Amino acid sequence: MRTIIIAALLIAAFSVTGVSAERLHMTKKWDKTFAKSDKVDHSKVTFRNRFGITLAADMYVPKNASGKLAAIAVSGPFGAVKEQSSGLYAQTMAERGFLTVAFDPSFTGESGGEPRYMNSPDFAVEDFQAAVDYLSNCDKVDPNKIGIIGICGWGGFALDVAALDTRIKATVASTMYNIPRCAAMGYNDVNDADARYEMRLAANAQRTADYKAGTYTLAGGVVDPLPADAPQFVKDYYAYYKTPRGYHERSLNSNNGWAAVGGISQINRAILTYGKEIRSAVMVLHGEKAHSRYMGEDAYKEITEGSKYAANKELVIVPGASHCDLYDRTDIIPFDKLDTFFKTYLK
């Protein structure tokens, strides 16, 4: 009896908290970095994750669509908003017959969550699962035909959630970063234990200072002005985030970045622990000349080598493409391959 009473109280508590959603302020104007398509219908939608944060998303539906559609949830790059690359991917896939949603992660863009500009692998995985929750209950969607696309850092998190969420039938990780690996090891894995200790010292000193000040210091977005001796990949980021090509007023990378202590947990967190157990289809998509290519290739190895579920996994390397080319270069992004991949596995 005691167990039944406790369970009832928990259900009641969930019901009470479940009806209270954050009020989001979402613009009604078209403020994307890409042109609006006349082949799809666009609308704003919201959904909540299991931590109670309300997420804002753009929904794209093929015009004159009928019946239950295959659906795709899209997010990324890490530090971007849905008005940038993820929205472009979502709208393009909707033109090809899929219902899609591009969402802002927790604490960013038009989505809720306080304090702002925080990040964690747990929230990243949860936000993707919340999008799947929403699509699974959408009356326009066939719940047995749901896929996801993660771009840049969200490509890594997409693979992580694919290992967890059995409702996802197909996953694309495009120009992916493994954010926890990069946070702990640095680019090309140059950081050792001493370097990580220095990072922890700095991050925790910042926590003390932020608590005293009552505010969170921002780490800064893409460097501006651009140093003459900046590495090519930094120049590529600048060319996307800091110019009319990809700048957006709500994008962290275009402006003042994440909270300096926002991602401290990334240092101690490994994704793809059970990547070999992903049974659903996966495409790892990367540019031949991307500075991040090694992370995508290593992730592909992690989910295929020694796995009995490798047959529906594929690695696609786009000739001549850099990391940022796969953000918005529609002449380079192999949307035909994505179209075939999702139509093969979301059927």
Protein backbone atom coordinates (compact mmCIF):
# COMPACT_ATOMS: atom_id res chain seq x y z
CA MET A 1 0.00 0.00 0.00
CA ARG A 2 2.83 2.40 0.89
CA THR A 3 4.42 1.80 -2.55
CA ILE A 4 1.09 2.48 -4.29
CA ILE A 5 0.59 5.73 -2.35
CA ILE A 6 4.12 6.95 -3.15
CA ALA A 7 3.63 6.11 -6.83
CA ALA A 8 0.34 7.99 -6.87
CA LEU A 9 1.96 11.04 -5.29
CA LEU A 10 4.74 10.97 -7.87
CA ILE A 11 2.21 10.77 -10.70
CA ALA A 12 0.23 13.64 -9.18
CA ALA A 13 3.37 15.73 -8.80
CA PHE A 14 4.32 15.07 -12.42
CA SER A 15 0.83 16.03 -13.55
CA VAL A 16 0.96 19.30 -11.65
CA THR A 17 4.40 20.28 -12.87
CA GLY A 18 3.68 18.95 -16.34
CA VAL A 19 1.03 21.61 -17.10
CA SER A 20 3.35 24.51 -16.33
CA ALA A 21 5.54 25.44 -19.27
CA GLU A 22 7.93 28.34 -19.69
CA ARG A 23 6.61 31.22 -21.72
CA LEU A 24 8.91 31.71 -24.65
CA HIS A 25 9.25 34.84 -26.72
CA MET A 26 9.55 33.68 -30.32
CA THR A 27 9.79 36.01 -33.26
CA LYS A 28 7.12 35.83 -35.94
CA LYS A 29 9.36 37.19 -38.67
CA TRP A 30 11.51 35.09 -40.99
CA ASP A 31 14.97 35.78 -39.59
CA LYS A 32 16.89 32.79 -40.95
CA THR A 33 20.28 32.93 -42.63
CA PHE A 34 18.77 31.13 -45.64
CA ALA A 35 15.90 31.94 -47.99
CA LYS A 36 12.40 30.67 -47.27
CA SER A 37 11.30 27.82 -49.50
CA ASP A 38 8.00 27.95 -51.36
CA LYS A 39 7.86 24.15 -51.30
CA VAL A 40 7.20 23.77 -47.56
CA ASP A 41 4.93 25.15 -44.85
CA HIS A 42 6.75 26.65 -41.86
CA SER A 43 5.51 27.12 -38.31
CA LYS A 44 6.85 27.58 -34.79
CA VAL A 45 6.34 24.78 -32.26
CA THR A 46 7.42 24.09 -28.69
CA PHE A 47 7.95 20.98 -26.60
CA ARG A 48 9.35 20.22 -23.16
CA ASN A 49 12.19 17.98 -22.10
CA ARG A 50 12.08 15.83 -19.00
CA PHE A 51 13.90 18.51 -16.99
CA GLY A 52 10.95 20.84 -17.55
CA ILE A 53 12.70 23.13 -20.05
CA THR A 54 10.58 24.29 -22.96
CA LEU A 55 12.35 24.09 -26.30
CA ALA A 56 11.58 26.25 -29.33
CA ALA A 57 11.62 24.74 -32.79
CA ASP A 58 10.82 25.49 -36.40
CA MET A 59 8.64 22.88 -38.10
CA TYR A 60 8.86 22.36 -41.85
CA VAL A 61 6.16 20.33 -43.63
CA PRO A 62 6.05 19.55 -47.35
CA LYS A 63 3.26 21.51 -49.02
CA ASN A 64 0.14 19.48 -49.78
CA ALA A 65 1.45 16.57 -47.68
CA SER A 66 -1.08 13.96 -46.65
CA GLY A 67 -1.07 10.98 -44.34
CA LYS A 68 1.50 10.16 -41.69
CA LEU A 69 4.98 11.37 -42.67
CA ALA A 70 8.48 10.21 -41.86
CA ALA A 71 10.07 12.81 -39.60
CA ILE A 72 13.56 14.13 -38.77
CA ALA A 73 14.72 16.22 -35.81
CA VAL A 74 17.76 18.44 -36.45
CA SER A 75 20.11 20.42 -34.22
CA GLY A 76 23.56 21.97 -34.31
CA PRO A 77 26.18 23.18 -34.77
CA PHE A 78 27.37 23.50 -31.17
CA GLY A 79 26.78 27.13 -30.21
CA ALA A 80 24.52 27.85 -33.20
CA VAL A 81 20.76 28.39 -33.42
CA LYS A 82 17.97 26.91 -35.51
CA GLU A 83 18.01 29.92 -37.83
CA GLN A 84 21.41 28.83 -39.09
CA SER A 85 22.64 25.45 -40.36
CA SER A 86 20.09 23.16 -38.67
CA GLY A 87 17.20 25.11 -40.15
CA LEU A 88 18.72 24.86 -43.61
CA TYR A 89 19.07 21.09 -43.28
CA ALA A 90 15.52 20.82 -41.92
CA GLN A 91 13.94 22.91 -44.67
CA THR A 92 15.88 21.09 -47.39
CA MET A 93 14.83 17.66 -46.11
CA ALA A 94 11.22 18.87 -45.89
CA GLU A 95 11.43 19.83 -49.56
CA ARG A 96 12.22 16.15 -50.13
CA GLY A 97 9.10 14.90 -48.37
CA PHE A 98 9.98 14.65 -44.67
CA LEU A 99 8.35 16.49 -41.78
CA THR A 100 11.22 18.13 -39.92
CA VAL A 101 11.90 20.16 -36.80
CA ALA A 102 15.02 22.22 -36.14
CA PHE A 103 15.27 23.11 -32.46
CA ASP A 104 17.29 25.37 -30.20
CA PRO A 105 18.99 23.43 -27.40
CA SER A 106 18.26 24.17 -23.75
CA PHE A 107 19.60 27.52 -22.46
CA THR A 108 20.13 28.91 -25.98
CA GLY A 109 18.32 30.73 -28.77
CA GLU A 110 14.56 31.00 -28.29
CA SER A 111 14.45 27.95 -26.01
CA GLY A 112 14.02 28.21 -22.28
CA GLY A 113 16.35 27.33 -19.44
CA GLU A 114 18.10 29.45 -16.84
CA PRO A 115 20.82 30.50 -16.38
CA ARG A 116 21.57 31.09 -20.03
CA TYR A 117 24.31 29.63 -22.22
CA MET A 118 25.02 26.48 -20.23
CA ASN A 119 25.74 23.11 -21.83
CA SER A 120 26.08 19.50 -20.80
CA PRO A 121 26.10 16.17 -22.66
CA ASP A 122 23.13 15.07 -20.55
CA PHE A 123 21.04 18.03 -21.69
CA ALA A 124 22.13 17.57 -25.31
CA VAL A 125 20.97 13.95 -25.33
CA GLU A 126 17.78 14.83 -23.50
CA ASP A 127 16.91 17.63 -25.92
CA PHE A 128 17.13 15.26 -28.87
CA GLN A 129 14.97 12.73 -27.01
CA ALA A 130 12.44 15.46 -26.21
CA ALA A 131 12.22 16.22 -29.94
CA VAL A 132 11.55 12.53 -30.56
CA ASP A 133 8.89 12.60 -27.82
CA TYR A 134 7.20 15.46 -29.66
CA LEU A 135 7.42 13.85 -33.09
CA SER A 136 6.19 10.50 -31.75
CA ASN A 137 3.01 12.24 -30.60
CA CYS A 138 2.52 14.55 -33.58
CA ASP A 139 -0.61 13.62 -35.56
CA LYS A 140 1.23 14.28 -38.84
CA VAL A 141 4.03 11.83 -38.08
CA ASP A 142 4.39 8.07 -38.35
CA PRO A 143 6.03 7.31 -34.97
CA ASN A 144 7.82 4.31 -36.49
CA LYS A 145 9.62 6.53 -39.00
CA ILE A 146 11.71 9.00 -37.00
CA GLY A 147 15.32 9.99 -37.65
CA ILE A 148 17.72 12.67 -36.43
CA ILE A 149 20.48 14.85 -37.88
CA GLY A 150 23.19 16.31 -35.67
CA ILE A 151 25.61 18.88 -37.07
CA CYS A 152 29.11 19.61 -35.70
CA GLY A 153 29.08 19.04 -31.93
CA TRP A 154 25.50 17.87 -32.15
CA GLY A 155 26.67 15.16 -34.54
CA GLY A 156 28.53 13.54 -31.68
CA PHE A 157 25.57 13.89 -29.36
CA ALA A 158 23.29 12.47 -32.08
CA LEU A 159 25.36 9.29 -32.12
CA ASP A 160 25.20 9.16 -28.34
CA VAL A 161 21.41 9.43 -28.33
CA ALA A 162 21.16 6.85 -31.13
CA ALA A 163 22.75 4.39 -28.71
CA LEU A 164 20.06 5.21 -26.15
CA ASP A 165 16.79 5.89 -27.95
CA THR A 166 15.34 2.86 -29.76
CA ARG A 167 12.62 5.01 -31.35
CA ILE A 168 15.25 6.55 -33.65
CA LYS A 169 15.52 4.50 -36.83
CA ALA A 170 18.22 6.49 -38.67
CA THR A 171 20.89 9.02 -37.64
CA VAL A 172 23.15 11.34 -39.60
CA ALA A 173 26.17 12.91 -37.91
CA SER A 174 27.32 15.70 -40.22
CA THR A 175 30.79 17.31 -39.93
CA MET A 176 30.79 16.05 -36.36
CA TYR A 177 32.76 17.09 -33.32
CA ASN A 178 33.14 14.92 -30.26
CA ILE A 179 32.72 17.83 -27.83
CA PRO A 180 33.73 15.99 -24.62
CA ARG A 181 36.85 14.62 -26.34
CA CYS A 182 37.77 18.06 -27.63
CA ALA A 183 37.09 19.66 -24.25
CA ALA A 184 39.32 17.19 -22.43
CA MET A 185 42.00 16.51 -25.03
CA GLY A 186 42.06 19.63 -27.19
CA TYR A 187 42.38 19.54 -30.97
CA ASN A 188 44.29 16.48 -32.15
CA ASP A 189 44.42 15.12 -28.59
CA VAL A 190 47.36 17.26 -27.40
CA ASN A 191 46.25 17.74 -23.78
CA ASP A 192 47.70 15.55 -21.03
CA ALA A 193 46.61 15.11 -17.42
CA ASP A 194 48.53 18.21 -16.32
CA ALA A 195 46.85 20.33 -18.98
CA ARG A 196 43.44 19.09 -17.87
CA TYR A 197 44.32 19.90 -14.26
CA GLU A 198 45.15 23.48 -15.27
CA MET A 199 41.81 23.67 -17.09
CA ARG A 200 40.01 22.49 -13.96
CA LEU A 201 41.85 25.05 -11.83
CA ALA A 202 40.83 27.86 -14.16
CA ALA A 203 37.22 26.67 -14.49
CA ASN A 204 36.70 26.33 -10.76
CA ALA A 205 38.33 29.69 -10.03
CA GLN A 206 35.85 31.13 -12.52
CA ARG A 207 32.99 29.45 -10.68
CA THR A 208 34.07 31.13 -7.44
CA ALA A 209 34.31 34.52 -9.14
CA ASP A 210 30.95 34.10 -10.88
CA TYR A 211 29.23 33.16 -7.63
CA LYS A 212 30.68 36.22 -5.91
CA ALA A 213 29.66 38.52 -8.75
CA GLY A 214 26.21 36.99 -9.12
CA THR A 215 26.63 36.69 -12.89
CA TYR A 216 28.15 34.26 -15.36
CA THR A 217 31.10 35.42 -17.43
CA LEU A 218 30.81 34.54 -21.11
CA ALA A 219 33.71 32.81 -22.81
CA GLY A 220 33.39 34.65 -26.12
CA GLY A 221 32.26 33.40 -29.51
CA VAL A 222 34.33 33.16 -32.69
CA VAL A 223 37.33 35.47 -32.39
CA ASP A 224 36.76 38.97 -33.75
CA PRO A 225 38.71 40.74 -35.14
CA LEU A 226 40.32 37.83 -36.93
CA PRO A 227 44.10 37.60 -36.31
CA ALA A 228 46.20 37.50 -39.46
CA ASP A 229 47.90 34.30 -38.29
CA ALA A 230 44.67 32.49 -37.35
CA PRO A 231 44.53 28.80 -38.40
CA GLN A 232 42.48 28.10 -41.51
CA PHE A 233 39.65 26.45 -39.56
CA VAL A 234 39.28 29.58 -37.42
CA LYS A 235 39.12 31.64 -40.61
CA ASP A 236 36.42 29.27 -41.83
CA TYR A 237 34.43 29.76 -38.62
CA TYR A 238 34.79 33.53 -38.95
CA ALA A 239 33.60 33.40 -42.57
CA TYR A 240 30.43 31.65 -41.43
CA TYR A 241 29.54 33.07 -38.03
CA LYS A 242 30.83 36.64 -38.32
CA THR A 243 29.70 37.60 -41.81
CA PRO A 244 26.25 37.97 -43.40
CA ARG A 245 26.63 34.42 -44.69
CA GLY A 246 25.82 32.91 -41.28
CA TYR A 247 25.68 35.63 -38.61
CA HIS A 248 22.66 35.56 -36.33
CA GLU A 249 21.90 37.79 -33.37
CA ARG A 250 20.94 34.86 -31.12
CA SER A 251 23.86 32.62 -32.09
CA LEU A 252 26.42 32.12 -29.31
CA ASN A 253 29.21 31.58 -31.81
CA SER A 254 28.29 34.75 -33.68
CA ASN A 255 28.37 36.79 -30.47
CA ASN A 256 29.66 36.30 -26.90
CA GLY A 257 29.69 32.53 -26.64
CA TRP A 258 28.83 30.04 -23.91
CA ALA A 259 29.15 30.76 -20.21
CA ALA A 260 32.82 30.27 -19.29
CA VAL A 261 31.84 27.58 -16.78
CA GLY A 262 28.96 26.30 -18.91
CA GLY A 263 30.63 23.17 -20.18
CA ILE A 264 32.95 22.18 -17.34
CA SER A 265 31.30 18.73 -17.09
CA GLN A 266 32.32 17.98 -20.69
CA ILE A 267 35.91 17.37 -19.49
CA ASN A 268 34.88 14.31 -17.46
CA ARG A 269 32.27 12.87 -19.83
CA ALA A 270 32.80 10.30 -22.60
CA ILE A 271 30.20 9.77 -25.31
CA LEU A 272 29.71 6.62 -27.41
CA THR A 273 30.47 4.31 -24.50
CA TYR A 274 28.03 1.83 -26.03
CA GLY A 275 28.28 2.98 -29.64
CA LYS A 276 28.81 -0.58 -30.88
CA GLU A 277 25.32 -1.40 -29.62
CA ILE A 278 23.57 1.03 -31.99
CA ARG A 279 21.27 -1.22 -34.03
CA SER A 280 19.64 1.51 -36.11
CA ALA A 281 21.15 2.97 -39.28
CA VAL A 282 23.91 5.60 -39.05
CA MET A 283 25.65 7.81 -41.58
CA VAL A 284 28.78 9.68 -40.51
CA LEU A 285 29.27 12.51 -42.99
CA HIS A 286 32.48 14.52 -43.14
CA GLY A 287 34.51 16.78 -45.38
CA GLU A 288 37.77 15.55 -46.88
CA LYS A 289 39.61 18.71 -45.78
CA ALA A 290 37.83 19.24 -42.45
CA HIS A 291 40.12 19.81 -39.46
CA SER A 292 37.61 17.72 -37.49
CA ARG A 293 37.59 14.78 -39.89
CA TYR A 294 39.54 12.55 -37.50
CA MET A 295 36.73 12.79 -34.93
CA GLY A 296 34.16 11.57 -37.44
CA GLU A 297 36.35 8.73 -38.67
CA ASP A 298 37.16 7.67 -35.12
CA ALA A 299 33.47 7.75 -34.19
CA TYR A 300 32.66 5.57 -37.18
CA LYS A 301 35.28 3.06 -36.02
CA GLU A 302 33.88 3.16 -32.50
CA ILE A 303 30.40 2.18 -33.65
CA THR A 304 31.43 -0.41 -36.27
CA GLU A 305 34.67 -2.23 -35.39
CA GLY A 306 33.78 -5.40 -33.53
CA SER A 307 30.05 -4.62 -33.73
CA LYS A 308 27.54 -7.13 -35.03
CA TYR A 309 25.36 -4.20 -36.11
CA ALA A 310 27.81 -2.61 -38.56
CA ALA A 311 25.98 -3.52 -41.78
CA ASN A 312 23.70 -0.46 -41.75
CA LYS A 313 26.45 2.03 -40.92
CA GLU A 314 28.27 4.14 -43.50
CA LEU A 315 31.05 6.72 -43.61
CA VAL A 316 30.73 9.36 -46.33
CA ILE A 317 33.67 11.67 -47.04
CA VAL A 318 32.79 14.68 -49.21
CA PRO A 319 35.66 15.47 -51.61
CA GLY A 320 37.31 18.85 -51.11
CA ALA A 321 34.94 19.96 -48.33
CA SER A 322 36.02 21.76 -45.17
CA HIS A 323 34.25 21.57 -41.81
CA CYS A 324 32.11 24.66 -42.39
CA ASP A 325 31.31 23.79 -46.01
CA LEU A 326 28.88 21.24 -44.61
CA TYR A 327 27.09 23.95 -42.62
CA ASP A 328 25.43 25.66 -45.57
CA ARG A 329 27.06 24.93 -48.92
CA THR A 330 24.08 23.36 -50.65
CA ASP A 331 26.25 22.76 -53.70
CA ILE A 332 28.53 20.57 -51.56
CA ILE A 333 26.30 18.98 -48.89
CA PRO A 334 25.22 15.63 -50.42
CA PHE A 335 21.51 16.00 -49.80
CA ASP A 336 20.78 13.33 -52.39
CA LYS A 337 22.68 10.84 -50.21
CA LEU A 338 20.82 11.99 -47.11
CA ASP A 339 17.53 11.68 -48.97
CA THR A 340 18.30 8.12 -50.07
CA PHE A 341 19.58 7.16 -46.61
CA PHE A 342 16.48 8.33 -44.77
CA LYS A 343 14.07 6.97 -47.36
CA THR A 344 15.80 3.62 -47.09
CA TYR A 345 15.61 3.36 -43.31
CA LEU A 346 12.47 5.36 -42.51
CA LYS A 347 10.06 3.11 -44.35
